[in-house]
PDB file of N, CA and C in Angstrom:
ATOM      1  N   UNK A   1     257.096 253.962 153.990  1.00  0.00           N
ATOM      2  CA  UNK A   1     257.899 254.266 152.823  1.00  0.00           C
ATOM      3  C   UNK A   1     257.124 253.964 151.555  1.00  0.00           C
ATOM      4  N   UNK A   2     257.390 254.780 150.558  1.00  0.00           N
ATOM      5  CA  UNK A   2     256.741 254.557 149.273  1.00  0.00           C
ATOM      6  C   UNK A   2     257.531 253.552 148.446  1.00  0.00           C
ATOM      7  N   UNK A   3     256.886 253.022 147.441  1.00  0.00           N
ATOM      8  CA  UNK A   3     257.530 252.073 146.538  1.00  0.00           C
ATOM      9  C   UNK A   3     258.642 252.792 145.775  1.00  0.00           C
ATOM     10  N   UNK A   4     259.763 252.148 145.561  1.00  0.00           N
ATOM     11  CA  UNK A   4     260.875 252.791 144.863  1.00  0.00           C
ATOM     12  C   UNK A   4     260.515 253.131 143.425  1.00  0.00           C
ATOM     13  N   UNK A   5     261.081 254.232 142.936  1.00  0.00           N
ATOM     14  CA  UNK A   5     260.789 254.638 141.569  1.00  0.00           C
ATOM     15  C   UNK A   5     262.021 254.668 140.686  1.00  0.00           C
ATOM     16  N   UNK A   6     263.209 254.746 141.264  1.00  0.00           N
ATOM     17  CA  UNK A   6     264.409 254.737 140.429  1.00  0.00           C
ATOM     18  C   UNK A   6     265.216 253.467 140.670  1.00  0.00           C
ATOM     19  N   UNK A   7     266.200 253.269 139.849  1.00  0.00           N
ATOM     20  CA  UNK A   7     266.941 252.017 139.869  1.00  0.00           C
ATOM     21  C   UNK A   7     267.715 251.781 141.159  1.00  0.00           C
ATOM     22  N   UNK A   8     268.079 252.801 141.875  1.00  0.00           N
ATOM     23  CA  UNK A   8     268.884 252.618 143.074  1.00  0.00           C
ATOM     24  C   UNK A   8     268.068 252.630 144.368  1.00  0.00           C
ATOM     25  N   UNK A   9     266.802 252.908 144.324  1.00  0.00           N
ATOM     26  CA  UNK A   9     266.018 252.983 145.552  1.00  0.00           C
ATOM     27  C   UNK A   9     265.935 251.661 146.309  1.00  0.00           C
ATOM     28  N   UNK A  10     266.084 250.555 145.625  1.00  0.00           N
ATOM     29  CA  UNK A  10     266.003 249.283 146.329  1.00  0.00           C
ATOM     30  C   UNK A  10     267.094 249.190 147.380  1.00  0.00           C
ATOM     31  N   UNK A  11     268.233 249.796 147.124  1.00  0.00           N
ATOM     32  CA  UNK A  11     269.335 249.763 148.085  1.00  0.00           C
ATOM     33  C   UNK A  11     268.975 250.502 149.371  1.00  0.00           C
ATOM     34  N   UNK A  12     268.221 251.578 149.249  1.00  0.00           N
ATOM     35  CA  UNK A  12     267.783 252.337 150.426  1.00  0.00           C
ATOM     36  C   UNK A  12     266.846 251.491 151.289  1.00  0.00           C
ATOM     37  N   UNK A  13     265.927 250.791 150.659  1.00  0.00           N
ATOM     38  CA  UNK A  13     265.008 249.922 151.398  1.00  0.00           C
ATOM     39  C   UNK A  13     265.769 248.775 152.057  1.00  0.00           C
ATOM     40  N   UNK A  14     266.743 248.228 151.345  1.00  0.00           N
ATOM     41  CA  UNK A  14     267.558 247.137 151.879  1.00  0.00           C
ATOM     42  C   UNK A  14     268.328 247.603 153.118  1.00  0.00           C
ATOM     43  N   UNK A  15     268.992 248.747 153.006  1.00  0.00           N
ATOM     44  CA  UNK A  15     269.738 249.287 154.146  1.00  0.00           C
ATOM     45  C   UNK A  15     268.819 249.557 155.331  1.00  0.00           C
ATOM     46  N   UNK A  16     267.641 250.106 155.050  1.00  0.00           N
ATOM     47  CA  UNK A  16     266.695 250.391 156.134  1.00  0.00           C
ATOM     48  C   UNK A  16     266.302 249.115 156.864  1.00  0.00           C
ATOM     49  N   UNK A  17     266.167 248.027 156.128  1.00  0.00           N
ATOM     50  CA  UNK A  17     265.778 246.756 156.752  1.00  0.00           C
ATOM     51  C   UNK A  17     266.904 246.175 157.590  1.00  0.00           C
ATOM     52  N   UNK A  18     268.099 246.117 157.029  1.00  0.00           N
ATOM     53  CA  UNK A  18     269.175 245.458 157.760  1.00  0.00           C
ATOM     54  C   UNK A  18     269.695 246.306 158.911  1.00  0.00           C
ATOM     55  N   UNK A  19     269.403 247.600 158.895  1.00  0.00           N
ATOM     56  CA  UNK A  19     269.860 248.479 159.972  1.00  0.00           C
ATOM     57  C   UNK A  19     268.753 248.836 160.964  1.00  0.00           C
ATOM     58  N   UNK A  20     267.538 248.323 160.736  1.00  0.00           N
ATOM     59  CA  UNK A  20     266.409 248.643 161.624  1.00  0.00           C
ATOM     60  C   UNK A  20     266.693 248.136 163.040  1.00  0.00           C
ATOM     61  N   UNK A  21     266.551 249.004 164.011  1.00  0.00           N
ATOM     62  CA  UNK A  21     266.801 248.650 165.400  1.00  0.00           C
ATOM     63  C   UNK A  21     265.524 248.418 166.200  1.00  0.00           C
ATOM     64  N   UNK A  22     264.395 248.844 165.664  1.00  0.00           N
ATOM     65  CA  UNK A  22     263.125 248.690 166.372  1.00  0.00           C
ATOM     66  C   UNK A  22     262.493 247.353 165.987  1.00  0.00           C
ATOM     67  N   UNK A  23     262.427 246.415 166.944  1.00  0.00           N
ATOM     68  CA  UNK A  23     261.859 245.095 166.627  1.00  0.00           C
ATOM     69  C   UNK A  23     260.431 245.163 166.086  1.00  0.00           C
ATOM     70  N   UNK A  24     259.678 246.164 166.488  1.00  0.00           N
ATOM     71  CA  UNK A  24     258.296 246.302 166.028  1.00  0.00           C
ATOM     72  C   UNK A  24     258.222 246.701 164.553  1.00  0.00           C
ATOM     73  N   UNK A  25     259.270 247.296 164.027  1.00  0.00           N
ATOM     74  CA  UNK A  25     259.278 247.756 162.631  1.00  0.00           C
ATOM     75  C   UNK A  25     260.031 246.822 161.692  1.00  0.00           C
ATOM     76  N   UNK A  26     260.778 245.888 162.241  1.00  0.00           N
ATOM     77  CA  UNK A  26     261.673 245.077 161.429  1.00  0.00           C
ATOM     78  C   UNK A  26     260.952 244.274 160.351  1.00  0.00           C
ATOM     79  N   UNK A  27     259.878 243.609 160.698  1.00  0.00           N
ATOM     80  CA  UNK A  27     259.153 242.797 159.723  1.00  0.00           C
ATOM     81  C   UNK A  27     258.655 243.646 158.553  1.00  0.00           C
ATOM     82  N   UNK A  28     258.137 244.836 158.845  1.00  0.00           N
ATOM     83  CA  UNK A  28     257.655 245.730 157.787  1.00  0.00           C
ATOM     84  C   UNK A  28     258.807 246.201 156.908  1.00  0.00           C
ATOM     85  N   UNK A  29     259.928 246.522 157.519  1.00  0.00           N
ATOM     86  CA  UNK A  29     261.100 246.960 156.748  1.00  0.00           C
ATOM     87  C   UNK A  29     261.595 245.849 155.816  1.00  0.00           C
ATOM     88  N   UNK A  30     261.595 244.621 156.321  1.00  0.00           N
ATOM     89  CA  UNK A  30     262.014 243.487 155.497  1.00  0.00           C
ATOM     90  C   UNK A  30     261.072 243.352 154.300  1.00  0.00           C
ATOM     91  N   UNK A  31     259.769 243.440 154.529  1.00  0.00           N
ATOM     92  CA  UNK A  31     258.789 243.316 153.444  1.00  0.00           C
ATOM     93  C   UNK A  31     258.979 244.422 152.405  1.00  0.00           C
ATOM     94  N   UNK A  32     259.201 245.640 152.866  1.00  0.00           N
ATOM     95  CA  UNK A  32     259.420 246.754 151.938  1.00  0.00           C
ATOM     96  C   UNK A  32     260.670 246.516 151.091  1.00  0.00           C
ATOM     97  N   UNK A  33     261.724 246.041 151.732  1.00  0.00           N
ATOM     98  CA  UNK A  33     262.967 245.782 151.006  1.00  0.00           C
ATOM     99  C   UNK A  33     262.793 244.655 149.999  1.00  0.00           C
ATOM    100  N   UNK A  34     262.108 243.582 150.414  1.00  0.00           N
ATOM    101  CA  UNK A  34     261.870 242.473 149.488  1.00  0.00           C
ATOM    102  C   UNK A  34     261.077 242.943 148.275  1.00  0.00           C
ATOM    103  N   UNK A  35     260.056 243.750 148.496  1.00  0.00           N
ATOM    104  CA  UNK A  35     259.256 244.272 147.379  1.00  0.00           C
ATOM    105  C   UNK A  35     260.101 245.136 146.446  1.00  0.00           C
ATOM    106  N   UNK A  36     260.966 245.960 147.020  1.00  0.00           N
ATOM    107  CA  UNK A  36     261.823 246.824 146.215  1.00  0.00           C
ATOM    108  C   UNK A  36     262.828 246.002 145.402  1.00  0.00           C
ATOM    109  N   UNK A  37     263.401 244.980 146.008  1.00  0.00           N
ATOM    110  CA  UNK A  37     264.358 244.112 145.320  1.00  0.00           C
ATOM    111  C   UNK A  37     263.664 243.380 144.167  1.00  0.00           C
ATOM    112  N   UNK A  38     262.482 242.854 144.424  1.00  0.00           N
ATOM    113  CA  UNK A  38     261.733 242.146 143.377  1.00  0.00           C
ATOM    114  C   UNK A  38     261.379 243.087 142.226  1.00  0.00           C
ATOM    115  N   UNK A  39     260.943 244.300 142.555  1.00  0.00           N
ATOM    116  CA  UNK A  39     260.579 245.272 141.521  1.00  0.00           C
ATOM    117  C   UNK A  39     261.788 245.605 140.643  1.00  0.00           C
ATOM    118  N   UNK A  40     262.948 245.789 141.272  1.00  0.00           N
ATOM    119  CA  UNK A  40     264.148 246.104 140.496  1.00  0.00           C
ATOM    120  C   UNK A  40     264.597 244.917 139.659  1.00  0.00           C
ATOM    121  N   UNK A  41     264.491 243.718 140.212  1.00  0.00           N
ATOM    122  CA  UNK A  41     264.858 242.520 139.447  1.00  0.00           C
ATOM    123  C   UNK A  41     263.984 242.403 138.199  1.00  0.00           C
ATOM    124  N   UNK A  42     262.720 242.720 138.332  1.00  0.00           N
ATOM    125  CA  UNK A  42     261.824 242.687 137.165  1.00  0.00           C
ATOM    126  C   UNK A  42     262.253 243.712 136.124  1.00  0.00           C
ATOM    127  N   UNK A  43     262.647 244.917 136.590  1.00  0.00           N
ATOM    128  CA  UNK A  43     263.115 245.942 135.661  1.00  0.00           C
ATOM    129  C   UNK A  43     264.343 245.459 134.893  1.00  0.00           C
ATOM    130  N   UNK A  44     265.269 244.858 135.617  1.00  0.00           N
ATOM    131  CA  UNK A  44     266.473 244.354 134.955  1.00  0.00           C
ATOM    132  C   UNK A  44     266.145 243.256 133.954  1.00  0.00           C
ATOM    133  N   UNK A  45     265.222 242.373 134.320  1.00  0.00           N
ATOM    134  CA  UNK A  45     264.822 241.297 133.421  1.00  0.00           C
ATOM    135  C   UNK A  45     264.214 241.863 132.143  1.00  0.00           C
ATOM    136  N   UNK A  46     263.335 242.864 132.306  1.00  0.00           N
ATOM    137  CA  UNK A  46     262.693 243.473 131.138  1.00  0.00           C
ATOM    138  C   UNK A  46     263.688 244.239 130.279  1.00  0.00           C
ATOM    139  N   UNK A  47     264.781 244.671 130.900  1.00  0.00           N
ATOM    140  CA  UNK A  47     265.816 245.410 130.188  1.00  0.00           C
ATOM    141  C   UNK A  47     266.804 244.467 129.501  1.00  0.00           C
ATOM    142  N   UNK A  48     266.567 243.189 129.595  1.00  0.00           N
ATOM    143  CA  UNK A  48     267.427 242.223 128.929  1.00  0.00           C
ATOM    144  C   UNK A  48     268.567 241.718 129.794  1.00  0.00           C
ATOM    145  N   UNK A  49     268.537 242.050 131.075  1.00  0.00           N
ATOM    146  CA  UNK A  49     269.552 241.544 131.988  1.00  0.00           C
ATOM    147  C   UNK A  49     270.958 242.005 131.682  1.00  0.00           C
ATOM    148  N   UNK A  50     271.096 243.236 131.230  1.00  0.00           N
ATOM    149  CA  UNK A  50     272.412 243.740 130.841  1.00  0.00           C
ATOM    150  C   UNK A  50     273.302 244.117 132.030  1.00  0.00           C
ATOM    151  N   UNK A  51     272.737 244.220 133.216  1.00  0.00           N
ATOM    152  CA  UNK A  51     273.532 244.626 134.374  1.00  0.00           C
ATOM    153  C   UNK A  51     273.712 243.436 135.314  1.00  0.00           C
ATOM    154  N   UNK A  52     274.659 242.587 134.983  1.00  0.00           N
ATOM    155  CA  UNK A  52     274.885 241.357 135.752  1.00  0.00           C
ATOM    156  C   UNK A  52     275.339 241.656 137.174  1.00  0.00           C
ATOM    157  N   UNK A  53     276.138 242.707 137.350  1.00  0.00           N
ATOM    158  CA  UNK A  53     276.632 243.045 138.690  1.00  0.00           C
ATOM    159  C   UNK A  53     275.481 243.434 139.618  1.00  0.00           C
ATOM    160  N   UNK A  54     274.573 244.255 139.131  1.00  0.00           N
ATOM    161  CA  UNK A  54     273.435 244.639 139.966  1.00  0.00           C
ATOM    162  C   UNK A  54     272.517 243.446 140.213  1.00  0.00           C
ATOM    163  N   UNK A  55     272.359 242.591 139.225  1.00  0.00           N
ATOM    164  CA  UNK A  55     271.537 241.395 139.406  1.00  0.00           C
ATOM    165  C   UNK A  55     272.115 240.519 140.513  1.00  0.00           C
ATOM    166  N   UNK A  56     273.437 240.412 140.559  1.00  0.00           N
ATOM    167  CA  UNK A  56     274.078 239.650 141.633  1.00  0.00           C
ATOM    168  C   UNK A  56     273.863 240.333 142.983  1.00  0.00           C
ATOM    169  N   UNK A  57     273.944 241.656 143.008  1.00  0.00           N
ATOM    170  CA  UNK A  57     273.666 242.406 144.238  1.00  0.00           C
ATOM    171  C   UNK A  57     272.245 242.159 144.729  1.00  0.00           C
ATOM    172  N   UNK A  58     271.309 242.105 143.793  1.00  0.00           N
ATOM    173  CA  UNK A  58     269.917 241.836 144.142  1.00  0.00           C
ATOM    174  C   UNK A  58     269.758 240.443 144.743  1.00  0.00           C
ATOM    175  N   UNK A  59     270.422 239.467 144.141  1.00  0.00           N
ATOM    176  CA  UNK A  59     270.378 238.097 144.675  1.00  0.00           C
ATOM    177  C   UNK A  59     270.940 238.052 146.093  1.00  0.00           C
ATOM    178  N   UNK A  60     272.068 238.721 146.291  1.00  0.00           N
ATOM    179  CA  UNK A  60     272.686 238.756 147.616  1.00  0.00           C
ATOM    180  C   UNK A  60     271.780 239.431 148.638  1.00  0.00           C
ATOM    181  N   UNK A  61     271.157 240.528 148.233  1.00  0.00           N
ATOM    182  CA  UNK A  61     270.264 241.257 149.133  1.00  0.00           C
ATOM    183  C   UNK A  61     269.061 240.396 149.509  1.00  0.00           C
ATOM    184  N   UNK A  62     268.485 239.711 148.536  1.00  0.00           N
ATOM    185  CA  UNK A  62     267.325 238.867 148.828  1.00  0.00           C
ATOM    186  C   UNK A  62     267.712 237.721 149.754  1.00  0.00           C
ATOM    187  N   UNK A  63     268.876 237.157 149.557  1.00  0.00           N
ATOM    188  CA  UNK A  63     269.359 236.090 150.423  1.00  0.00           C
ATOM    189  C   UNK A  63     269.488 236.593 151.861  1.00  0.00           C
ATOM    190  N   UNK A  64     270.083 237.765 152.029  1.00  0.00           N
ATOM    191  CA  UNK A  64     270.264 238.337 153.366  1.00  0.00           C
ATOM    192  C   UNK A  64     268.924 238.668 154.015  1.00  0.00           C
ATOM    193  N   UNK A  65     267.984 239.187 153.233  1.00  0.00           N
ATOM    194  CA  UNK A  65     266.656 239.513 153.773  1.00  0.00           C
ATOM    195  C   UNK A  65     265.925 238.245 154.213  1.00  0.00           C
ATOM    196  N   UNK A  66     266.036 237.186 153.416  1.00  0.00           N
ATOM    197  CA  UNK A  66     265.399 235.922 153.793  1.00  0.00           C
ATOM    198  C   UNK A  66     266.024 235.358 155.062  1.00  0.00           C
ATOM    199  N   UNK A  67     267.336 235.480 155.194  1.00  0.00           N
ATOM    200  CA  UNK A  67     268.014 235.008 156.404  1.00  0.00           C
ATOM    201  C   UNK A  67     267.568 235.819 157.615  1.00  0.00           C
ATOM    202  N   UNK A  68     267.447 237.127 157.443  1.00  0.00           N
ATOM    203  CA  UNK A  68     266.983 237.980 158.537  1.00  0.00           C
ATOM    204  C   UNK A  68     265.552 237.638 158.920  1.00  0.00           C
ATOM    205  N   UNK A  69     264.689 237.439 157.912  1.00  0.00           N
ATOM    206  CA  UNK A  69     263.295 237.071 158.190  1.00  0.00           C
ATOM    207  C   UNK A  69     263.231 235.715 158.898  1.00  0.00           C
ATOM    208  N   UNK A  70     264.039 234.767 158.444  1.00  0.00           N
ATOM    209  CA  UNK A  70     264.061 233.448 159.060  1.00  0.00           C
ATOM    210  C   UNK A  70     264.511 233.532 160.514  1.00  0.00           C
ATOM    211  N   UNK A  71     265.526 234.311 160.765  1.00  0.00           N
ATOM    212  CA  UNK A  71     266.009 234.501 162.130  1.00  0.00           C
ATOM    213  C   UNK A  71     264.920 235.108 162.996  1.00  0.00           C
ATOM    214  N   UNK A  72     264.227 236.081 162.453  1.00  0.00           N
ATOM    215  CA  UNK A  72     263.143 236.729 163.186  1.00  0.00           C
ATOM    216  C   UNK A  72     262.008 235.745 163.461  1.00  0.00           C
ATOM    217  N   UNK A  73     261.719 234.895 162.485  1.00  0.00           N
ATOM    218  CA  UNK A  73     260.613 233.950 162.613  1.00  0.00           C
ATOM    219  C   UNK A  73     260.932 232.814 163.578  1.00  0.00           C
ATOM    220  N   UNK A  74     262.105 232.227 163.428  1.00  0.00           N
ATOM    221  CA  UNK A  74     262.447 231.037 164.201  1.00  0.00           C
ATOM    222  C   UNK A  74     263.203 231.325 165.492  1.00  0.00           C
ATOM    223  N   UNK A  75     263.701 232.534 165.627  1.00  0.00           N
ATOM    224  CA  UNK A  75     264.433 232.895 166.827  1.00  0.00           C
ATOM    225  C   UNK A  75     264.150 234.359 167.169  1.00  0.00           C
ATOM    226  N   UNK A  76     262.913 234.652 167.613  1.00  0.00           N
ATOM    227  CA  UNK A  76     262.561 236.043 167.899  1.00  0.00           C
ATOM    228  C   UNK A  76     263.482 236.686 168.930  1.00  0.00           C
ATOM    229  N   UNK A  77     264.115 235.879 169.768  1.00  0.00           N
ATOM    230  CA  UNK A  77     265.036 236.417 170.760  1.00  0.00           C
ATOM    231  C   UNK A  77     266.305 236.959 170.106  1.00  0.00           C
ATOM    232  N   UNK A  78     266.513 236.650 168.812  1.00  0.00           N
ATOM    233  CA  UNK A  78     267.686 237.159 168.103  1.00  0.00           C
ATOM    234  C   UNK A  78     267.625 238.667 167.954  1.00  0.00           C
ATOM    235  N   UNK A  79     266.416 239.222 168.035  1.00  0.00           N
ATOM    236  CA  UNK A  79     266.252 240.662 168.045  1.00  0.00           C
ATOM    237  C   UNK A  79     265.972 241.019 169.498  1.00  0.00           C
ATOM    238  N   UNK A  80     266.967 241.546 170.156  1.00  0.00           N
ATOM    239  CA  UNK A  80     266.866 241.797 171.586  1.00  0.00           C
ATOM    240  C   UNK A  80     266.046 243.038 171.879  1.00  0.00           C
ATOM    241  N   UNK A  81     265.726 243.230 173.133  1.00  0.00           N
ATOM    242  CA  UNK A  81     264.943 244.396 173.529  1.00  0.00           C
ATOM    243  C   UNK A  81     265.672 245.696 173.233  1.00  0.00           C
ATOM    244  N   UNK A  82     266.981 245.666 173.129  1.00  0.00           N
ATOM    245  CA  UNK A  82     267.729 246.868 172.781  1.00  0.00           C
ATOM    246  C   UNK A  82     267.666 247.146 171.287  1.00  0.00           C
ATOM    247  N   UNK A  83     267.152 246.163 170.532  1.00  0.00           N
ATOM    248  CA  UNK A  83     266.968 246.361 169.100  1.00  0.00           C
ATOM    249  C   UNK A  83     268.140 245.923 168.252  1.00  0.00           C
ATOM    250  N   UNK A  84     269.110 245.269 168.826  1.00  0.00           N
ATOM    251  CA  UNK A  84     270.246 244.833 168.017  1.00  0.00           C
ATOM    252  C   UNK A  84     269.989 243.433 167.484  1.00  0.00           C
ATOM    253  N   UNK A  85     270.510 243.164 166.317  1.00  0.00           N
ATOM    254  CA  UNK A  85     270.378 241.850 165.700  1.00  0.00           C
ATOM    255  C   UNK A  85     271.553 240.996 166.156  1.00  0.00           C
ATOM    256  N   UNK A  86     271.244 239.800 166.605  1.00  0.00           N
ATOM    257  CA  UNK A  86     272.341 238.899 166.957  1.00  0.00           C
ATOM    258  C   UNK A  86     272.036 237.517 166.409  1.00  0.00           C
ATOM    259  N   UNK A  87     272.538 237.257 165.211  1.00  0.00           N
ATOM    260  CA  UNK A  87     272.301 235.959 164.580  1.00  0.00           C
ATOM    261  C   UNK A  87     273.257 234.937 165.184  1.00  0.00           C
ATOM    262  N   UNK A  88     272.719 233.809 165.604  1.00  0.00           N
ATOM    263  CA  UNK A  88     273.531 232.744 166.170  1.00  0.00           C
ATOM    264  C   UNK A  88     273.813 231.715 165.094  1.00  0.00           C
ATOM    265  N   UNK A  89     275.016 231.193 165.082  1.00  0.00           N
ATOM    266  CA  UNK A  89     275.384 230.127 164.167  1.00  0.00           C
ATOM    267  C   UNK A  89     275.165 228.805 164.869  1.00  0.00           C
ATOM    268  N   UNK A  90     274.421 227.909 164.225  1.00  0.00           N
ATOM    269  CA  UNK A  90     274.118 226.608 164.835  1.00  0.00           C
ATOM    270  C   UNK A  90     275.277 225.662 164.732  1.00  0.00           C
TER     271      UNK A  90
END
């Protein structure tokens, strides 16, 4: 995937990451989404932070991506061979 160019493209990268079913592609999808979220957050910051709702969405998305990455890192079995995500609560 290419780097996002419009304000809403980060959402596409985010959805692709959280819906990825192929364990071999998941890490790359997460990285792409994180980069897109960071790029959009920078745009909002440079714009004076006038869109508080989207900024909150970006924070939520980054939190979810970090949780998914952490699950993948510390519990690789959470991504099963069928490709479904199953986060366990400790």
